Amino acid sequence: MLVFRDTTERQRMEKELLKMEKLQSLGVLAGGIAHDFNNFLTGIIGNLSLAKMDVQPGHPVGRALGEMEKAALRAKDLT
């Protein structure tokens, strides 16, 4: 007596599960990178704020520091 079973659906499900696990791992990795990048940006923003305190109001360097701070804040929002 012979019994045949179609395992096509099971194989497809296993491949789909493996794909989902890989995507989940990729998401965890991306989240870790974003977190680390956000930490770097926090240090940059803090130092820019401190540097702005040492510059006279209206000085071109102060304006440049302000623009850099805005850009860093936008990058932080992006992460």
PDB file of N, CA and C in Angstrom:
ATOM      1  N   MET A   1       0.833  -1.163   0.000  1.00  0.00           N
ATOM      2  CA  MET A   1       0.000   0.000   0.000  1.00  0.00           C
ATOM      3  C   MET A   1       0.891   1.244   0.000  1.00  0.00           C
ATOM      4  N   LEU A   2       0.566   2.171  -0.860  1.00  0.00           N
ATOM      5  CA  LEU A   2       1.324   3.417  -0.969  1.00  0.00           C
ATOM      6  C   LEU A   2       0.438   4.586  -0.578  1.00  0.00           C
ATOM      7  N   VAL A   3       1.053   5.517   0.158  1.00  0.00           N
ATOM      8  CA  VAL A   3       0.330   6.726   0.538  1.00  0.00           C
ATOM      9  C   VAL A   3       1.164   7.920   0.075  1.00  0.00           C
ATOM     10  N   PHE A   4       0.540   8.795  -0.656  1.00  0.00           N
ATOM     11  CA  PHE A   4       1.222   9.994  -1.127  1.00  0.00           C
ATOM     12  C   PHE A   4       0.637  11.215  -0.416  1.00  0.00           C
ATOM     13  N   ARG A   5       1.521  12.122  -0.029  1.00  0.00           N
ATOM     14  CA  ARG A   5       1.054  13.361   0.591  1.00  0.00           C
ATOM     15  C   ARG A   5       1.677  14.532  -0.145  1.00  0.00           C
ATOM     16  N   ASP A   6       0.855  15.495  -0.403  1.00  0.00           N
ATOM     17  CA  ASP A   6       1.325  16.719  -1.066  1.00  0.00           C
ATOM     18  C   ASP A   6       1.887  17.649   0.020  1.00  0.00           C
ATOM     19  N   THR A   7       3.193  17.853  -0.004  1.00  0.00           N
ATOM     20  CA  THR A   7       3.846  18.699   1.008  1.00  0.00           C
ATOM     21  C   THR A   7       4.154  20.095   0.467  1.00  0.00           C
ATOM     22  N   THR A   8       3.593  20.426  -0.673  1.00  0.00           N
ATOM     23  CA  THR A   8       3.852  21.724  -1.293  1.00  0.00           C
ATOM     24  C   THR A   8       3.458  22.869  -0.378  1.00  0.00           C
ATOM     25  N   GLU A   9       2.278  22.770   0.204  1.00  0.00           N
ATOM     26  CA  GLU A   9       1.785  23.844   1.080  1.00  0.00           C
ATOM     27  C   GLU A   9       2.664  23.982   2.322  1.00  0.00           C
ATOM     28  N   ARG A  10       3.081  22.864   2.892  1.00  0.00           N
ATOM     29  CA  ARG A  10       3.945  22.909   4.075  1.00  0.00           C
ATOM     30  C   ARG A  10       5.285  23.559   3.740  1.00  0.00           C
ATOM     31  N   GLN A  11       5.865  23.206   2.612  1.00  0.00           N
ATOM     32  CA  GLN A  11       7.143  23.783   2.200  1.00  0.00           C
ATOM     33  C   GLN A  11       7.006  25.289   1.966  1.00  0.00           C
ATOM     34  N   ARG A  12       5.887  25.688   1.370  1.00  0.00           N
ATOM     35  CA  ARG A  12       5.652  27.111   1.132  1.00  0.00           C
ATOM     36  C   ARG A  12       5.545  27.863   2.460  1.00  0.00           C
ATOM     37  N   MET A  13       4.850  27.279   3.420  1.00  0.00           N
ATOM     38  CA  MET A  13       4.690  27.897   4.740  1.00  0.00           C
ATOM     39  C   MET A  13       6.035  28.006   5.462  1.00  0.00           C
ATOM     40  N   GLU A  14       6.862  26.974   5.349  1.00  0.00           N
ATOM     41  CA  GLU A  14       8.179  27.009   5.987  1.00  0.00           C
ATOM     42  C   GLU A  14       9.053  28.107   5.381  1.00  0.00           C
ATOM     43  N   LYS A  15       8.998  28.247   4.054  1.00  0.00           N
ATOM     44  CA  LYS A  15       9.763  29.308   3.395  1.00  0.00           C
ATOM     45  C   LYS A  15       9.269  30.682   3.828  1.00  0.00           C
ATOM     46  N   GLU A  16       7.952  30.829   3.937  1.00  0.00           N
ATOM     47  CA  GLU A  16       7.361  32.102   4.356  1.00  0.00           C
ATOM     48  C   GLU A  16       7.754  32.433   5.790  1.00  0.00           C
ATOM     49  N   LEU A  17       7.772  31.436   6.657  1.00  0.00           N
ATOM     50  CA  LEU A  17       8.179  31.633   8.050  1.00  0.00           C
ATOM     51  C   LEU A  17       9.639  32.062   8.129  1.00  0.00           C
ATOM     52  N   LEU A  18      10.493  31.418   7.354  1.00  0.00           N
ATOM     53  CA  LEU A  18      11.903  31.782   7.329  1.00  0.00           C
ATOM     54  C   LEU A  18      12.085  33.219   6.843  1.00  0.00           C
ATOM     55  N   LYS A  19      11.331  33.589   5.824  1.00  0.00           N
ATOM     56  CA  LYS A  19      11.380  34.954   5.298  1.00  0.00           C
ATOM     57  C   LYS A  19      10.958  35.959   6.376  1.00  0.00           C
ATOM     58  N   MET A  20       9.908  35.644   7.108  1.00  0.00           N
ATOM     59  CA  MET A  20       9.431  36.533   8.170  1.00  0.00           C
ATOM     60  C   MET A  20      10.463  36.669   9.285  1.00  0.00           C
ATOM     61  N   GLU A  21      11.125  35.573   9.634  1.00  0.00           N
ATOM     62  CA  GLU A  21      12.163  35.619  10.669  1.00  0.00           C
ATOM     63  C   GLU A  21      13.337  36.490  10.232  1.00  0.00           C
ATOM     64  N   LYS A  22      13.710  36.392   8.959  1.00  0.00           N
ATOM     65  CA  LYS A  22      14.798  37.220   8.432  1.00  0.00           C
ATOM     66  C   LYS A  22      14.413  38.694   8.465  1.00  0.00           C
ATOM     67  N   LEU A  23      13.178  39.013   8.082  1.00  0.00           N
ATOM     68  CA  LEU A  23      12.714  40.396   8.108  1.00  0.00           C
ATOM     69  C   LEU A  23      12.675  40.933   9.532  1.00  0.00           C
ATOM     70  N   GLN A  24      12.265  40.101  10.469  1.00  0.00           N
ATOM     71  CA  GLN A  24      12.234  40.523  11.863  1.00  0.00           C
ATOM     72  C   GLN A  24      13.654  40.820  12.356  1.00  0.00           C
ATOM     73  N   SER A  25      14.608  39.980  12.018  1.00  0.00           N
ATOM     74  CA  SER A  25      16.003  40.210  12.400  1.00  0.00           C
ATOM     75  C   SER A  25      16.527  41.509  11.801  1.00  0.00           C
ATOM     76  N   LEU A  26      16.173  41.751  10.559  1.00  0.00           N
ATOM     77  CA  LEU A  26      16.581  42.986   9.897  1.00  0.00           C
ATOM     78  C   LEU A  26      15.981  44.197  10.602  1.00  0.00           C
ATOM     79  N   GLY A  27      14.729  44.090  11.029  1.00  0.00           N
ATOM     80  CA  GLY A  27      14.078  45.178  11.751  1.00  0.00           C
ATOM     81  C   GLY A  27      14.756  45.464  13.079  1.00  0.00           C
ATOM     82  N   VAL A  28      15.146  44.422  13.787  1.00  0.00           N
ATOM     83  CA  VAL A  28      15.849  44.598  15.066  1.00  0.00           C
ATOM     84  C   VAL A  28      17.198  45.278  14.833  1.00  0.00           C
ATOM     85  N   LEU A  29      17.905  44.859  13.797  1.00  0.00           N
ATOM     86  CA  LEU A  29      19.194  45.471  13.467  1.00  0.00           C
ATOM     87  C   LEU A  29      19.028  46.950  13.117  1.00  0.00           C
ATOM     88  N   ALA A  30      18.044  47.255  12.272  1.00  0.00           N
ATOM     89  CA  ALA A  30      17.802  48.651  11.882  1.00  0.00           C
ATOM     90  C   ALA A  30      17.423  49.497  13.091  1.00  0.00           C
ATOM     91  N   GLY A  31      16.620  48.941  13.987  1.00  0.00           N
ATOM     92  CA  GLY A  31      16.251  49.673  15.199  1.00  0.00           C
ATOM     93  C   GLY A  31      17.458  49.970  16.073  1.00  0.00           C
ATOM     94  N   GLY A  32      18.359  49.022  16.178  1.00  0.00           N
ATOM     95  CA  GLY A  32      19.583  49.230  16.965  1.00  0.00           C
ATOM     96  C   GLY A  32      20.466  50.300  16.358  1.00  0.00           C
ATOM     97  N   ILE A  33      20.595  50.282  15.044  1.00  0.00           N
ATOM     98  CA  ILE A  33      21.407  51.300  14.363  1.00  0.00           C
ATOM     99  C   ILE A  33      20.784  52.675  14.542  1.00  0.00           C
ATOM    100  N   ALA A  34      19.463  52.770  14.399  1.00  0.00           N
ATOM    101  CA  ALA A  34      18.775  54.049  14.577  1.00  0.00           C
ATOM    102  C   ALA A  34      18.958  54.561  16.002  1.00  0.00           C
ATOM    103  N   HIS A  35      18.892  53.671  16.972  1.00  0.00           N
ATOM    104  CA  HIS A  35      19.072  54.071  18.369  1.00  0.00           C
ATOM    105  C   HIS A  35      20.480  54.627  18.598  1.00  0.00           C
ATOM    106  N   ASP A  36      21.485  53.924  18.089  1.00  0.00           N
ATOM    107  CA  ASP A  36      22.870  54.387  18.240  1.00  0.00           C
ATOM    108  C   ASP A  36      23.085  55.721  17.531  1.00  0.00           C
ATOM    109  N   PHE A  37      22.530  55.862  16.334  1.00  0.00           N
ATOM    110  CA  PHE A  37      22.660  57.111  15.587  1.00  0.00           C
ATOM    111  C   PHE A  37      21.999  58.260  16.355  1.00  0.00           C
ATOM    112  N   ASN A  38      20.861  57.984  16.948  1.00  0.00           N
ATOM    113  CA  ASN A  38      20.156  58.980  17.741  1.00  0.00           C
ATOM    114  C   ASN A  38      21.014  59.420  18.940  1.00  0.00           C
ATOM    115  N   ASN A  39      21.716  58.477  19.550  1.00  0.00           N
ATOM    116  CA  ASN A  39      22.613  58.822  20.660  1.00  0.00           C
ATOM    117  C   ASN A  39      23.733  59.748  20.194  1.00  0.00           C
ATOM    118  N   PHE A  40      24.302  59.478  19.035  1.00  0.00           N
ATOM    119  CA  PHE A  40      25.344  60.365  18.500  1.00  0.00           C
ATOM    120  C   PHE A  40      24.786  61.765  18.252  1.00  0.00           C
ATOM    121  N   LEU A  41      23.597  61.812  17.673  1.00  0.00           N
ATOM    122  CA  LEU A  41      22.982  63.107  17.386  1.00  0.00           C
ATOM    123  C   LEU A  41      22.711  63.905  18.656  1.00  0.00           C
ATOM    124  N   THR A  42      22.342  63.223  19.721  1.00  0.00           N
ATOM    125  CA  THR A  42      22.105  63.900  20.990  1.00  0.00           C
ATOM    126  C   THR A  42      23.381  64.597  21.463  1.00  0.00           C
ATOM    127  N   GLY A  43      24.514  63.928  21.354  1.00  0.00           N
ATOM    128  CA  GLY A  43      25.796  64.539  21.719  1.00  0.00           C
ATOM    129  C   GLY A  43      26.138  65.724  20.827  1.00  0.00           C
ATOM    130  N   ILE A  44      25.895  65.579  19.541  1.00  0.00           N
ATOM    131  CA  ILE A  44      26.174  66.667  18.594  1.00  0.00           C
ATOM    132  C   ILE A  44      25.301  67.874  18.906  1.00  0.00           C
ATOM    133  N   ILE A  45      24.012  67.651  19.124  1.00  0.00           N
ATOM    134  CA  ILE A  45      23.083  68.745  19.406  1.00  0.00           C
ATOM    135  C   ILE A  45      23.468  69.442  20.704  1.00  0.00           C
ATOM    136  N   GLY A  46      23.835  68.676  21.716  1.00  0.00           N
ATOM    137  CA  GLY A  46      24.257  69.259  22.986  1.00  0.00           C
ATOM    138  C   GLY A  46      25.484  70.138  22.830  1.00  0.00           C
ATOM    139  N   ASN A  47      26.451  69.665  22.080  1.00  0.00           N
ATOM    140  CA  ASN A  47      27.674  70.455  21.874  1.00  0.00           C
ATOM    141  C   ASN A  47      27.416  71.694  21.027  1.00  0.00           C
ATOM    142  N   LEU A  48      26.524  71.591  20.058  1.00  0.00           N
ATOM    143  CA  LEU A  48      26.170  72.776  19.269  1.00  0.00           C
ATOM    144  C   LEU A  48      25.491  73.825  20.155  1.00  0.00           C
ATOM    145  N   SER A  49      24.633  73.376  21.040  1.00  0.00           N
ATOM    146  CA  SER A  49      23.968  74.306  21.959  1.00  0.00           C
ATOM    147  C   SER A  49      24.986  74.999  22.857  1.00  0.00           C
ATOM    148  N   LEU A  50      25.943  74.244  23.358  1.00  0.00           N
ATOM    149  CA  LEU A  50      26.989  74.843  24.193  1.00  0.00           C
ATOM    150  C   LEU A  50      27.833  75.832  23.396  1.00  0.00           C
ATOM    151  N   ALA A  51      28.159  75.491  22.165  1.00  0.00           N
ATOM    152  CA  ALA A  51      28.969  76.384  21.328  1.00  0.00           C
ATOM    153  C   ALA A  51      28.210  77.679  21.038  1.00  0.00           C
ATOM    154  N   LYS A  52      26.900  77.568  20.816  1.00  0.00           N
ATOM    155  CA  LYS A  52      26.093  78.771  20.543  1.00  0.00           C
ATOM    156  C   LYS A  52      26.106  79.739  21.729  1.00  0.00           C
ATOM    157  N   MET A  53      26.236  79.202  22.936  1.00  0.00           N
ATOM    158  CA  MET A  53      26.266  80.054  24.137  1.00  0.00           C
ATOM    159  C   MET A  53      27.507  80.936  24.185  1.00  0.00           C
ATOM    160  N   ASP A  54      28.588  80.481  23.548  1.00  0.00           N
ATOM    161  CA  ASP A  54      29.852  81.219  23.568  1.00  0.00           C
ATOM    162  C   ASP A  54      29.968  82.252  22.456  1.00  0.00           C
ATOM    163  N   VAL A  55      28.962  82.361  21.602  1.00  0.00           N
ATOM    164  CA  VAL A  55      29.012  83.270  20.446  1.00  0.00           C
ATOM    165  C   VAL A  55      28.058  84.436  20.694  1.00  0.00           C
ATOM    166  N   GLN A  56      28.510  85.622  20.327  1.00  0.00           N
ATOM    167  CA  GLN A  56      27.681  86.820  20.471  1.00  0.00           C
ATOM    168  C   GLN A  56      26.445  86.715  19.572  1.00  0.00           C
ATOM    169  N   PRO A  57      25.288  87.196  20.057  1.00  0.00           N
ATOM    170  CA  PRO A  57      24.073  87.176  19.230  1.00  0.00           C
ATOM    171  C   PRO A  57      24.291  87.921  17.908  1.00  0.00           C
ATOM    172  N   GLY A  58      23.792  87.351  16.831  1.00  0.00           N
ATOM    173  CA  GLY A  58      23.897  87.976  15.518  1.00  0.00           C
ATOM    174  C   GLY A  58      25.196  87.684  14.789  1.00  0.00           C
ATOM    175  N   HIS A  59      26.149  87.058  15.447  1.00  0.00           N
ATOM    176  CA  HIS A  59      27.435  86.737  14.810  1.00  0.00           C
ATOM    177  C   HIS A  59      27.208  85.647  13.759  1.00  0.00           C
ATOM    178  N   PRO A  60      27.895  85.753  12.613  1.00  0.00           N
ATOM    179  CA  PRO A  60      27.715  84.742  11.545  1.00  0.00           C
ATOM    180  C   PRO A  60      27.964  83.302  12.014  1.00  0.00           C
ATOM    181  N   VAL A  61      28.915  83.137  12.912  1.00  0.00           N
ATOM    182  CA  VAL A  61      29.194  81.784  13.416  1.00  0.00           C
ATOM    183  C   VAL A  61      27.995  81.263  14.198  1.00  0.00           C
ATOM    184  N   GLY A  62      27.358  82.131  14.960  1.00  0.00           N
ATOM    185  CA  GLY A  62      26.177  81.738  15.717  1.00  0.00           C
ATOM    186  C   GLY A  62      25.052  81.306  14.804  1.00  0.00           C
ATOM    187  N   ARG A  63      24.882  82.021  13.693  1.00  0.00           N
ATOM    188  CA  ARG A  63      23.846  81.630  12.729  1.00  0.00           C
ATOM    189  C   ARG A  63      24.166  80.273  12.109  1.00  0.00           C
ATOM    190  N   ALA A  64      25.435  80.067  11.791  1.00  0.00           N
ATOM    191  CA  ALA A  64      25.839  78.782  11.214  1.00  0.00           C
ATOM    192  C   ALA A  64      25.616  77.645  12.218  1.00  0.00           C
ATOM    193  N   LEU A  65      25.950  77.902  13.483  1.00  0.00           N
ATOM    194  CA  LEU A  65      25.723  76.883  14.504  1.00  0.00           C
ATOM    195  C   LEU A  65      24.226  76.588  14.656  1.00  0.00           C
ATOM    196  N   GLY A  66      23.414  77.629  14.561  1.00  0.00           N
ATOM    197  CA  GLY A  66      21.969  77.440  14.645  1.00  0.00           C
ATOM    198  C   GLY A  66      21.446  76.594  13.497  1.00  0.00           C
ATOM    199  N   GLU A  67      21.966  76.824  12.296  1.00  0.00           N
ATOM    200  CA  GLU A  67      21.549  76.019  11.142  1.00  0.00           C
ATOM    201  C   GLU A  67      21.989  74.567  11.299  1.00  0.00           C
ATOM    202  N   MET A  68      23.194  74.368  11.822  1.00  0.00           N
ATOM    203  CA  MET A  68      23.671  73.004  12.055  1.00  0.00           C
ATOM    204  C   MET A  68      22.799  72.304  13.101  1.00  0.00           C
ATOM    205  N   GLU A  69      22.423  73.055  14.124  1.00  0.00           N
ATOM    206  CA  GLU A  69      21.569  72.479  15.164  1.00  0.00           C
ATOM    207  C   GLU A  69      20.201  72.085  14.585  1.00  0.00           C
ATOM    208  N   LYS A  70      19.638  72.939  13.738  1.00  0.00           N
ATOM    209  CA  LYS A  70      18.352  72.612  13.102  1.00  0.00           C
ATOM    210  C   LYS A  70      18.469  71.347  12.256  1.00  0.00           C
ATOM    211  N   ALA A  71      19.561  71.253  11.512  1.00  0.00           N
ATOM    212  CA  ALA A  71      19.760  70.067  10.660  1.00  0.00           C
ATOM    213  C   ALA A  71      19.895  68.807  11.515  1.00  0.00           C
ATOM    214  N   ALA A  72      20.620  68.918  12.612  1.00  0.00           N
ATOM    215  CA  ALA A  72      20.793  67.761  13.503  1.00  0.00           C
ATOM    216  C   ALA A  72      19.465  67.367  14.136  1.00  0.00           C
ATOM    217  N   LEU A  73      18.639  68.341  14.483  1.00  0.00           N
ATOM    218  CA  LEU A  73      17.321  68.048  15.051  1.00  0.00           C
ATOM    219  C   LEU A  73      16.410  67.369  14.022  1.00  0.00           C
ATOM    220  N   ARG A  74      16.516  67.805  12.763  1.00  0.00           N
ATOM    221  CA  ARG A  74      15.728  67.152  11.709  1.00  0.00           C
ATOM    222  C   ARG A  74      16.180  65.711  11.532  1.00  0.00           C
ATOM    223  N   ALA A  75      17.501  65.486  11.576  1.00  0.00           N
ATOM    224  CA  ALA A  75      18.035  64.127  11.457  1.00  0.00           C
ATOM    225  C   ALA A  75      17.567  63.271  12.648  1.00  0.00           C
ATOM    226  N   LYS A  76      17.529  63.875  13.827  1.00  0.00           N
ATOM    227  CA  LYS A  76      17.057  63.150  15.012  1.00  0.00           C
ATOM    228  C   LYS A  76      15.593  62.761  14.858  1.00  0.00           C
ATOM    229  N   ASP A  77      14.775  63.683  14.323  1.00  0.00           N
ATOM    230  CA  ASP A  77      13.374  63.361  14.079  1.00  0.00           C
ATOM    231  C   ASP A  77      13.223  62.238  13.060  1.00  0.00           C
ATOM    232  N   LEU A  78      14.105  62.206  12.096  1.00  0.00           N
ATOM    233  CA  LEU A  78      14.054  61.176  11.068  1.00  0.00           C
ATOM    234  C   LEU A  78      14.332  59.790  11.661  1.00  0.00           C
ATOM    235  N   THR A  79      15.272  59.729  12.601  1.00  0.00           N
ATOM    236  CA  THR A  79      15.588  58.427  13.221  1.00  0.00           C
ATOM    237  C   THR A  79      14.496  58.028  14.157  1.00  0.00           C
TER     238      THR A  79
END
